[in-house]
Amino acid sequence: KAEKLTLADYVSSKVLTSIEGQRLQSVFDYAVTNF
């Protein structure tokens, strides 16, 4: 019943592997710390 805001325009259908997740995590963490 509540009003809601849709957040993401794109959602990958691919499940991340552990290596892919670690790669993205390191990149996101670097970007958030050094932007």
Full PDB file with SEQRES, HELIX, SHEET, SSBOND, CRYST1, ORIGX, SCALE, CONECT and MASTER records, all heavy atoms in Angstrom:
SEQRES   1 A   35  LYS ALA GLU LYS LEU THR LEU ALA ASP TYR VAL SER SER          
SEQRES   2 A   35  LYS VAL LEU THR SER ILE GLU GLY GLN ARG LEU GLN SER          
SEQRES   3 A   35  VAL PHE ASP TYR ALA VAL THR ASN PHE                          
HELIX    1 AA1 SER A   18  ASN A   34  1                                  17    
CRYST1    1.000    1.000    1.000  90.00  90.00  90.00 P 1           1          
ORIGX1      1.000000  0.000000  0.000000        0.00000                         
ORIGX2      0.000000  1.000000  0.000000        0.00000                         
ORIGX3      0.000000  0.000000  1.000000        0.00000                         
SCALE1      1.000000  0.000000  0.000000        0.00000                         
SCALE2      0.000000  1.000000  0.000000        0.00000                         
SCALE3      0.000000  0.000000  1.000000        0.00000                         
ATOM      1  N   LYS A   1       0.813  -1.215   0.000  1.00  0.00           N  
ATOM      2  CA  LYS A   1       0.000   0.000   0.000  1.00  0.00           C  
ATOM      3  C   LYS A   1       0.851   1.271   0.000  1.00  0.00           C  
ATOM      4  O   LYS A   1       0.364   2.351  -0.344  1.00  0.00           O  
ATOM      5  CB  LYS A   1      -0.916   0.022   1.235  1.00  0.00           C  
ATOM      6  CG  LYS A   1      -1.796  -1.216   1.409  1.00  0.00           C  
ATOM      7  CD  LYS A   1      -2.709  -1.414   0.217  1.00  0.00           C  
ATOM      8  CE  LYS A   1      -3.584  -2.649   0.397  1.00  0.00           C  
ATOM      9  NZ  LYS A   1      -4.419  -2.917  -0.814  1.00  0.00           N  
ATOM     10  N   ALA A   2       2.101   1.156   0.413  1.00  0.00           N  
ATOM     11  CA  ALA A   2       2.956   2.332   0.584  1.00  0.00           C  
ATOM     12  C   ALA A   2       3.513   2.820  -0.756  1.00  0.00           C  
ATOM     13  O   ALA A   2       3.580   2.078  -1.736  1.00  0.00           O  
ATOM     14  CB  ALA A   2       4.112   1.995   1.528  1.00  0.00           C  
ATOM     15  N   GLU A   3       3.918   4.092  -0.752  1.00  0.00           N  
ATOM     16  CA  GLU A   3       4.629   4.640  -1.908  1.00  0.00           C  
ATOM     17  C   GLU A   3       6.075   4.159  -1.862  1.00  0.00           C  
ATOM     18  O   GLU A   3       6.687   4.114  -0.801  1.00  0.00           O  
ATOM     19  CB  GLU A   3       4.581   6.165  -1.885  1.00  0.00           C  
ATOM     20  CG  GLU A   3       3.186   6.738  -2.027  1.00  0.00           C  
ATOM     21  CD  GLU A   3       3.190   8.260  -1.968  1.00  0.00           C  
ATOM     22  OE1 GLU A   3       4.281   8.856  -2.125  1.00  0.00           O  
ATOM     23  OE2 GLU A   3       2.123   8.840  -1.754  1.00  0.00           O  
ATOM     24  N   LYS A   4       6.605   3.838  -3.041  1.00  0.00           N  
ATOM     25  CA  LYS A   4       7.968   3.301  -3.106  1.00  0.00           C  
ATOM     26  C   LYS A   4       8.700   3.910  -4.293  1.00  0.00           C  
ATOM     27  O   LYS A   4       8.085   4.226  -5.311  1.00  0.00           O  
ATOM     28  CB  LYS A   4       7.925   1.778  -3.231  1.00  0.00           C  
ATOM     29  CG  LYS A   4       7.262   1.084  -2.038  1.00  0.00           C  
ATOM     30  CD  LYS A   4       6.980  -0.369  -2.317  1.00  0.00           C  
ATOM     31  CE  LYS A   4       5.845  -0.585  -3.291  1.00  0.00           C  
ATOM     32  NZ  LYS A   4       4.524  -0.230  -2.762  1.00  0.00           N  
ATOM     33  N   LEU A   5      10.006   4.043  -4.129  1.00  0.00           N  
ATOM     34  CA  LEU A   5      10.868   4.556  -5.191  1.00  0.00           C  
ATOM     35  C   LEU A   5      11.686   3.409  -5.763  1.00  0.00           C  
ATOM     36  O   LEU A   5      12.338   2.669  -5.011  1.00  0.00           O  
ATOM     37  CB  LEU A   5      11.805   5.636  -4.635  1.00  0.00           C  
ATOM     38  CG  LEU A   5      12.862   6.218  -5.589  1.00  0.00           C  
ATOM     39  CD1 LEU A   5      12.189   7.021  -6.695  1.00  0.00           C  
ATOM     40  CD2 LEU A   5      13.850   7.082  -4.816  1.00  0.00           C  
ATOM     41  N   THR A   6      11.658   3.224  -7.085  1.00  0.00           N  
ATOM     42  CA  THR A   6      12.482   2.213  -7.731  1.00  0.00           C  
ATOM     43  C   THR A   6      13.915   2.722  -7.833  1.00  0.00           C  
ATOM     44  O   THR A   6      14.149   3.864  -8.241  1.00  0.00           O  
ATOM     45  CB  THR A   6      11.945   1.881  -9.134  1.00  0.00           C  
ATOM     46  OG1 THR A   6      10.600   1.396  -9.013  1.00  0.00           O  
ATOM     47  CG2 THR A   6      12.789   0.811  -9.807  1.00  0.00           C  
ATOM     48  N   LEU A   7      14.882   1.879  -7.479  1.00  0.00           N  
ATOM     49  CA  LEU A   7      16.255   2.350  -7.317  1.00  0.00           C  
ATOM     50  C   LEU A   7      17.178   2.060  -8.492  1.00  0.00           C  
ATOM     51  O   LEU A   7      18.031   2.881  -8.822  1.00  0.00           O  
ATOM     52  CB  LEU A   7      16.856   1.729  -6.050  1.00  0.00           C  
ATOM     53  CG  LEU A   7      16.138   2.060  -4.741  1.00  0.00           C  
ATOM     54  CD1 LEU A   7      16.824   1.363  -3.579  1.00  0.00           C  
ATOM     55  CD2 LEU A   7      16.088   3.562  -4.515  1.00  0.00           C  
ATOM     56  N   ALA A   8      17.077   0.918  -9.117  1.00  0.00           N  
ATOM     57  CA  ALA A   8      18.050   0.522 -10.141  1.00  0.00           C  
ATOM     58  C   ALA A   8      17.374   0.388 -11.502  1.00  0.00           C  
ATOM     59  O   ALA A   8      16.295  -0.189 -11.614  1.00  0.00           O  
ATOM     60  CB  ALA A   8      18.732  -0.785  -9.753  1.00  0.00           C  
ATOM     61  N   ASP A   9      18.020   0.923 -12.519  1.00  0.00           N  
ATOM     62  CA  ASP A   9      17.512   0.794 -13.879  1.00  0.00           C  
ATOM     63  C   ASP A   9      17.955  -0.504 -14.525  1.00  0.00           C  
ATOM     64  O   ASP A   9      17.283  -1.043 -15.385  1.00  0.00           O  
ATOM     65  CB  ASP A   9      18.004   1.968 -14.738  1.00  0.00           C  
ATOM     66  CG  ASP A   9      17.455   3.297 -14.261  1.00  0.00           C  
ATOM     67  OD1 ASP A   9      16.287   3.325 -13.841  1.00  0.00           O  
ATOM     68  OD2 ASP A   9      18.186   4.297 -14.306  1.00  0.00           O  
ATOM     69  N   TYR A  10      19.110  -0.982 -14.088  1.00  0.00           N  
ATOM     70  CA  TYR A  10      19.692  -2.165 -14.729  1.00  0.00           C  
ATOM     71  C   TYR A  10      20.057  -3.185 -13.665  1.00  0.00           C  
ATOM     72  O   TYR A  10      20.693  -2.850 -12.670  1.00  0.00           O  
ATOM     73  CB  TYR A  10      20.946  -1.783 -15.516  1.00  0.00           C  
ATOM     74  CG  TYR A  10      21.765  -2.965 -16.012  1.00  0.00           C  
ATOM     75  CD1 TYR A  10      21.412  -3.642 -17.176  1.00  0.00           C  
ATOM     76  CD2 TYR A  10      22.888  -3.394 -15.313  1.00  0.00           C  
ATOM     77  CE1 TYR A  10      22.159  -4.712 -17.627  1.00  0.00           C  
ATOM     78  CE2 TYR A  10      23.643  -4.477 -15.759  1.00  0.00           C  
ATOM     79  CZ  TYR A  10      23.273  -5.124 -16.912  1.00  0.00           C  
ATOM     80  OH  TYR A  10      24.006  -6.185 -17.355  1.00  0.00           O  
ATOM     81  N   VAL A  11      19.663  -4.417 -13.881  1.00  0.00           N  
ATOM     82  CA  VAL A  11      20.020  -5.505 -12.974  1.00  0.00           C  
ATOM     83  C   VAL A  11      20.575  -6.653 -13.798  1.00  0.00           C  
ATOM     84  O   VAL A  11      19.880  -7.212 -14.650  1.00  0.00           O  
ATOM     85  CB  VAL A  11      18.806  -5.989 -12.154  1.00  0.00           C  
ATOM     86  CG1 VAL A  11      19.228  -7.122 -11.229  1.00  0.00           C  
ATOM     87  CG2 VAL A  11      18.216  -4.841 -11.354  1.00  0.00           C  
ATOM     88  N   SER A  12      21.826  -6.997 -13.572  1.00  0.00           N  
ATOM     89  CA  SER A  12      22.441  -8.099 -14.306  1.00  0.00           C  
ATOM     90  C   SER A  12      21.799  -9.415 -13.886  1.00  0.00           C  
ATOM     91  O   SER A  12      21.573  -9.665 -12.703  1.00  0.00           O  
ATOM     92  CB  SER A  12      23.950  -8.141 -14.026  1.00  0.00           C  
ATOM     93  OG  SER A  12      24.528  -9.278 -14.631  1.00  0.00           O  
ATOM     94  N   SER A  13      21.506 -10.241 -14.863  1.00  0.00           N  
ATOM     95  CA  SER A  13      20.912 -11.552 -14.562  1.00  0.00           C  
ATOM     96  C   SER A  13      21.970 -12.573 -14.160  1.00  0.00           C  
ATOM     97  O   SER A  13      21.644 -13.672 -13.729  1.00  0.00           O  
ATOM     98  CB  SER A  13      20.142 -12.071 -15.781  1.00  0.00           C  
ATOM     99  OG  SER A  13      21.006 -12.192 -16.901  1.00  0.00           O  
ATOM    100  N   LYS A  14      23.232 -12.194 -14.268  1.00  0.00           N  
ATOM    101  CA  LYS A  14      24.325 -13.110 -13.981  1.00  0.00           C  
ATOM    102  C   LYS A  14      24.696 -13.064 -12.506  1.00  0.00           C  
ATOM    103  O   LYS A  14      24.875 -11.989 -11.939  1.00  0.00           O  
ATOM    104  CB  LYS A  14      25.550 -12.748 -14.825  1.00  0.00           C  
ATOM    105  CG  LYS A  14      26.714 -13.718 -14.647  1.00  0.00           C  
ATOM    106  CD  LYS A  14      27.897 -13.299 -15.507  1.00  0.00           C  
ATOM    107  CE  LYS A  14      29.071 -14.240 -15.302  1.00  0.00           C  
ATOM    108  NZ  LYS A  14      30.258 -13.824 -16.090  1.00  0.00           N  
ATOM    109  N   VAL A  15      24.789 -14.215 -11.889  1.00  0.00           N  
ATOM    110  CA  VAL A  15      25.223 -14.290 -10.495  1.00  0.00           C  
ATOM    111  C   VAL A  15      26.741 -14.162 -10.451  1.00  0.00           C  
ATOM    112  O   VAL A  15      27.463 -14.816 -11.198  1.00  0.00           O  
ATOM    113  CB  VAL A  15      24.793 -15.626  -9.861  1.00  0.00           C  
ATOM    114  CG1 VAL A  15      25.310 -15.732  -8.435  1.00  0.00           C  
ATOM    115  CG2 VAL A  15      23.262 -15.742  -9.875  1.00  0.00           C  
ATOM    116  N   LEU A  16      27.226 -13.279  -9.588  1.00  0.00           N  
ATOM    117  CA  LEU A  16      28.665 -13.062  -9.480  1.00  0.00           C  
ATOM    118  C   LEU A  16      29.366 -14.282  -8.899  1.00  0.00           C  
ATOM    119  O   LEU A  16      28.896 -14.879  -7.933  1.00  0.00           O  
ATOM    120  CB  LEU A  16      28.941 -11.863  -8.557  1.00  0.00           C  
ATOM    121  CG  LEU A  16      28.569 -10.477  -9.063  1.00  0.00           C  
ATOM    122  CD1 LEU A  16      28.754  -9.468  -7.942  1.00  0.00           C  
ATOM    123  CD2 LEU A  16      29.407 -10.087 -10.254  1.00  0.00           C  
ATOM    124  N   THR A  17      30.489 -14.644  -9.494  1.00  0.00           N  
ATOM    125  CA  THR A  17      31.341 -15.649  -8.877  1.00  0.00           C  
ATOM    126  C   THR A  17      32.113 -14.978  -7.749  1.00  0.00           C  
ATOM    127  O   THR A  17      32.143 -13.752  -7.621  1.00  0.00           O  
ATOM    128  CB  THR A  17      32.330 -16.233  -9.891  1.00  0.00           C  
ATOM    129  OG1 THR A  17      33.248 -15.199 -10.302  1.00  0.00           O  
ATOM    130  CG2 THR A  17      31.608 -16.771 -11.115  1.00  0.00           C  
ATOM    131  N   SER A  18      32.777 -15.789  -6.938  1.00  0.00           N  
ATOM    132  CA  SER A  18      33.553 -15.240  -5.834  1.00  0.00           C  
ATOM    133  C   SER A  18      34.654 -14.307  -6.337  1.00  0.00           C  
ATOM    134  O   SER A  18      34.879 -13.227  -5.794  1.00  0.00           O  
ATOM    135  CB  SER A  18      34.163 -16.370  -5.003  1.00  0.00           C  
ATOM    136  OG  SER A  18      34.909 -15.857  -3.919  1.00  0.00           O  
ATOM    137  N   ILE A  19      35.328 -14.701  -7.417  1.00  0.00           N  
ATOM    138  CA  ILE A  19      36.418 -13.877  -7.966  1.00  0.00           C  
ATOM    139  C   ILE A  19      35.861 -12.578  -8.538  1.00  0.00           C  
ATOM    140  O   ILE A  19      36.423 -11.492  -8.317  1.00  0.00           O  
ATOM    141  CB  ILE A  19      37.190 -14.659  -9.048  1.00  0.00           C  
ATOM    142  CG1 ILE A  19      37.956 -15.822  -8.411  1.00  0.00           C  
ATOM    143  CG2 ILE A  19      38.153 -13.735  -9.791  1.00  0.00           C  
ATOM    144  CD1 ILE A  19      38.678 -16.702  -9.422  1.00  0.00           C  
ATOM    145  N   GLU A  20      34.753 -12.653  -9.268  1.00  0.00           N  
ATOM    146  CA  GLU A  20      34.147 -11.444  -9.831  1.00  0.00           C  
ATOM    147  C   GLU A  20      33.706 -10.496  -8.723  1.00  0.00           C  
ATOM    148  O   GLU A  20      33.895  -9.277  -8.809  1.00  0.00           O  
ATOM    149  CB  GLU A  20      32.946 -11.823 -10.703  1.00  0.00           C  
ATOM    150  CG  GLU A  20      33.320 -12.501 -11.999  1.00  0.00           C  
ATOM    151  CD  GLU A  20      32.115 -13.042 -12.738  1.00  0.00           C  
ATOM    152  OE1 GLU A  20      31.071 -13.303 -12.093  1.00  0.00           O  
ATOM    153  OE2 GLU A  20      32.212 -13.199 -13.969  1.00  0.00           O  
ATOM    154  N   GLY A  21      33.112 -11.064  -7.682  1.00  0.00           N  
ATOM    155  CA  GLY A  21      32.670 -10.241  -6.567  1.00  0.00           C  
ATOM    156  C   GLY A  21      33.826  -9.559  -5.871  1.00  0.00           C  
ATOM    157  O   GLY A  21      33.756  -8.386  -5.504  1.00  0.00           O  
ATOM    158  N   GLN A  22      34.929 -10.284  -5.679  1.00  0.00           N  
ATOM    159  CA  GLN A  22      36.102  -9.705  -5.031  1.00  0.00           C  
ATOM    160  C   GLN A  22      36.702  -8.600  -5.881  1.00  0.00           C  
ATOM    161  O   GLN A  22      37.172  -7.586  -5.364  1.00  0.00           O  
ATOM    162  CB  GLN A  22      37.125 -10.810  -4.758  1.00  0.00           C  
ATOM    163  CG  GLN A  22      36.700 -11.767  -3.651  1.00  0.00           C  
ATOM    164  CD  GLN A  22      37.570 -13.005  -3.574  1.00  0.00           C  
ATOM    165  OE1 GLN A  22      38.563 -13.117  -4.296  1.00  0.00           O  
ATOM    166  NE2 GLN A  22      37.194 -13.939  -2.721  1.00  0.00           N  
ATOM    167  N   ARG A  23      36.684  -8.782  -7.203  1.00  0.00           N  
ATOM    168  CA  ARG A  23      37.194  -7.744  -8.091  1.00  0.00           C  
ATOM    169  C   ARG A  23      36.347  -6.472  -7.999  1.00  0.00           C  
ATOM    170  O   ARG A  23      36.875  -5.368  -7.850  1.00  0.00           O  
ATOM    171  CB  ARG A  23      37.210  -8.254  -9.535  1.00  0.00           C  
ATOM    172  CG  ARG A  23      38.352  -9.211  -9.838  1.00  0.00           C  
ATOM    173  CD  ARG A  23      38.240  -9.780 -11.233  1.00  0.00           C  
ATOM    174  NE  ARG A  23      39.416 -10.572 -11.572  1.00  0.00           N  
ATOM    175  CZ  ARG A  23      39.508 -11.354 -12.645  1.00  0.00           C  
ATOM    176  NH1 ARG A  23      38.481 -11.458 -13.472  1.00  0.00           N  
ATOM    177  NH2 ARG A  23      40.610 -12.030 -12.886  1.00  0.00           N  
ATOM    178  N   LEU A  24      35.045  -6.639  -8.101  1.00  0.00           N  
ATOM    179  CA  LEU A  24      34.171  -5.467  -8.001  1.00  0.00           C  
ATOM    180  C   LEU A  24      34.277  -4.822  -6.633  1.00  0.00           C  
ATOM    181  O   LEU A  24      34.262  -3.594  -6.499  1.00  0.00           O  
ATOM    182  CB  LEU A  24      32.717  -5.866  -8.284  1.00  0.00           C  
ATOM    183  CG  LEU A  24      32.318  -5.992  -9.756  1.00  0.00           C  
ATOM    184  CD1 LEU A  24      30.869  -6.430  -9.865  1.00  0.00           C  
ATOM    185  CD2 LEU A  24      32.524  -4.685 -10.500  1.00  0.00           C  
ATOM    186  N   GLN A  25      34.374  -5.641  -5.581  1.00  0.00           N  
ATOM    187  CA  GLN A  25      34.485  -5.112  -4.231  1.00  0.00           C  
ATOM    188  C   GLN A  25      35.732  -4.249  -4.088  1.00  0.00           C  
ATOM    189  O   GLN A  25      35.689  -3.144  -3.542  1.00  0.00           O  
ATOM    190  CB  GLN A  25      34.526  -6.244  -3.210  1.00  0.00           C  
ATOM    191  CG  GLN A  25      34.962  -5.822  -1.804  1.00  0.00           C  
ATOM    192  CD  GLN A  25      34.060  -4.776  -1.212  1.00  0.00           C  
ATOM    193  OE1 GLN A  25      32.855  -4.807  -1.448  1.00  0.00           O  
ATOM    194  NE2 GLN A  25      34.615  -3.850  -0.450  1.00  0.00           N  
ATOM    195  N   SER A  26      36.866  -4.729  -4.591  1.00  0.00           N  
ATOM    196  CA  SER A  26      38.103  -3.966  -4.461  1.00  0.00           C  
ATOM    197  C   SER A  26      38.015  -2.655  -5.224  1.00  0.00           C  
ATOM    198  O   SER A  26      38.506  -1.616  -4.756  1.00  0.00           O  
ATOM    199  CB  SER A  26      39.291  -4.799  -4.955  1.00  0.00           C  
ATOM    200  OG  SER A  26      39.174  -5.107  -6.331  1.00  0.00           O  
ATOM    201  N   VAL A  27      37.355  -2.684  -6.375  1.00  0.00           N  
ATOM    202  CA  VAL A  27      37.211  -1.469  -7.181  1.00  0.00           C  
ATOM    203  C   VAL A  27      36.263  -0.490  -6.500  1.00  0.00           C  
ATOM    204  O   VAL A  27      36.546   0.716  -6.400  1.00  0.00           O  
ATOM    205  CB  VAL A  27      36.707  -1.820  -8.595  1.00  0.00           C  
ATOM    206  CG1 VAL A  27      36.329  -0.561  -9.359  1.00  0.00           C  
ATOM    207  CG2 VAL A  27      37.775  -2.594  -9.353  1.00  0.00           C  
ATOM    208  N   PHE A  28      35.110  -0.984  -6.015  1.00  0.00           N  
ATOM    209  CA  PHE A  28      34.164  -0.110  -5.331  1.00  0.00           C  
ATOM    210  C   PHE A  28      34.779   0.500  -4.077  1.00  0.00           C  
ATOM    211  O   PHE A  28      34.619   1.686  -3.801  1.00  0.00           O  
ATOM    212  CB  PHE A  28      32.888  -0.883  -4.956  1.00  0.00           C  
ATOM    213  CG  PHE A  28      31.961  -1.129  -6.113  1.00  0.00           C  
ATOM    214  CD1 PHE A  28      30.989  -2.114  -6.025  1.00  0.00           C  
ATOM    215  CD2 PHE A  28      32.052  -0.396  -7.276  1.00  0.00           C  
ATOM    216  CE1 PHE A  28      30.118  -2.348  -7.089  1.00  0.00           C  
ATOM    217  CE2 PHE A  28      31.193  -0.617  -8.339  1.00  0.00           C  
ATOM    218  CZ  PHE A  28      30.228  -1.600  -8.248  1.00  0.00           C  
ATOM    219  N   ASP A  29      35.491  -0.330  -3.328  1.00  0.00           N  
ATOM    220  CA  ASP A  29      36.094   0.156  -2.093  1.00  0.00           C  
ATOM    221  C   ASP A  29      37.134   1.231  -2.393  1.00  0.00           C  
ATOM    222  O   ASP A  29      37.220   2.243  -1.693  1.00  0.00           O  
ATOM    223  CB  ASP A  29      36.731  -0.999  -1.325  1.00  0.00           C  
ATOM    224  CG  ASP A  29      37.089  -0.617   0.102  1.00  0.00           C  
ATOM    225  OD1 ASP A  29      36.202  -0.136   0.817  1.00  0.00           O  
ATOM    226  OD2 ASP A  29      38.248  -0.793   0.492  1.00  0.00           O  
ATOM    227  N   TYR A  30      37.929   1.019  -3.436  1.00  0.00           N  
ATOM    228  CA  TYR A  30      38.929   2.011  -3.833  1.00  0.00           C  
ATOM    229  C   TYR A  30      38.254   3.309  -4.268  1.00  0.00           C  
ATOM    230  O   TYR A  30      38.690   4.406  -3.900  1.00  0.00           O  
ATOM    231  CB  TYR A  30      39.779   1.459  -4.977  1.00  0.00           C  
ATOM    232  CG  TYR A  30      40.823   2.424  -5.477  1.00  0.00           C  
ATOM    233  CD1 TYR A  30      42.036   2.576  -4.813  1.00  0.00           C  
ATOM    234  CD2 TYR A  30      40.589   3.190  -6.621  1.00  0.00           C  
ATOM    235  CE1 TYR A  30      42.994   3.471  -5.274  1.00  0.00           C  
ATOM    236  CE2 TYR A  30      41.534   4.082  -7.090  1.00  0.00           C  
ATOM    237  CZ  TYR A  30      42.737   4.220  -6.414  1.00  0.00           C  
ATOM    238  OH  TYR A  30      43.674   5.113  -6.870  1.00  0.00           O  
ATOM    239  N   ALA A  31      37.177   3.193  -5.054  1.00  0.00           N  
ATOM    240  CA  ALA A  31      36.477   4.376  -5.548  1.00  0.00           C  
ATOM    241  C   ALA A  31      35.838   5.156  -4.404  1.00  0.00           C  
ATOM    242  O   ALA A  31      35.934   6.389  -4.348  1.00  0.00           O  
ATOM    243  CB  ALA A  31      35.411   3.968  -6.564  1.00  0.00           C  
ATOM    244  N   VAL A  32      35.210   4.453  -3.466  1.00  0.00           N  
ATOM    245  CA  VAL A  32      34.555   5.120  -2.335  1.00  0.00           C  
ATOM    246  C   VAL A  32      35.574   5.822  -1.445  1.00  0.00           C  
ATOM    247  O   VAL A  32      35.304   6.882  -0.882  1.00  0.00           O  
ATOM    248  CB  VAL A  32      33.733   4.093  -1.517  1.00  0.00           C  
ATOM    249  CG1 VAL A  32      33.268   4.691  -0.195  1.00  0.00           C  
ATOM    250  CG2 VAL A  32      32.528   3.622  -2.324  1.00  0.00           C  
ATOM    251  N   THR A  33      36.774   5.257  -1.339  1.00  0.00           N  
ATOM    252  CA  THR A  33      37.806   5.828  -0.478  1.00  0.00           C  
ATOM    253  C   THR A  33      38.574   6.959  -1.166  1.00  0.00           C  
ATOM    254  O   THR A  33      39.004   7.907  -0.505  1.00  0.00           O  
ATOM    255  CB  THR A  33      38.810   4.733  -0.050  1.00  0.00           C  
ATOM    256  OG1 THR A  33      38.098   3.675   0.587  1.00  0.00           O  
ATOM    257  CG2 THR A  33      39.843   5.293   0.927  1.00  0.00           C  
ATOM    258  N   ASN A  34      38.707   6.899  -2.504  1.00  0.00           N  
ATOM    259  CA  ASN A  34      39.590   7.825  -3.207  1.00  0.00           C  
ATOM    260  C   ASN A  34      38.886   8.713  -4.233  1.00  0.00           C  
ATOM    261  O   ASN A  34      39.560   9.338  -5.053  1.00  0.00           O  
ATOM    262  CB  ASN A  34      40.697   7.034  -3.916  1.00  0.00           C  
ATOM    263  CG  ASN A  34      41.588   6.285  -2.950  1.00  0.00           C  
ATOM    264  OD1 ASN A  34      42.470   6.859  -2.323  1.00  0.00           O  
ATOM    265  ND2 ASN A  34      41.357   4.977  -2.820  1.00  0.00           N  
ATOM    266  N   PHE A  35      37.562   8.783  -4.209  1.00  0.00           N  
ATOM    267  CA  PHE A  35      36.851   9.535  -5.242  1.00  0.00           C  
ATOM    268  C   PHE A  35      37.232  11.016  -5.284  1.00  0.00           C  
ATOM    269  O   PHE A  35      37.127  11.664  -6.326  1.00  0.00           O  
ATOM    270  CB  PHE A  35      35.333   9.407  -5.059  1.00  0.00           C  
ATOM    271  CG  PHE A  35      34.806  10.045  -3.799  1.00  0.00           C  
ATOM    272  CD1 PHE A  35      34.489  11.389  -3.761  1.00  0.00           C  
ATOM    273  CD2 PHE A  35      34.621   9.288  -2.655  1.00  0.00           C  
ATOM    274  CE1 PHE A  35      34.002  11.977  -2.604  1.00  0.00           C  
ATOM    275  CE2 PHE A  35      34.145   9.862  -1.493  1.00  0.00           C  
ATOM    276  CZ  PHE A  35      33.840  11.216  -1.466  1.00  0.00           C  
TER     277      PHE A  35                                                      
MASTER        0    0    0    1    0    0    0    6  276    1    0    3          
END                                                                             
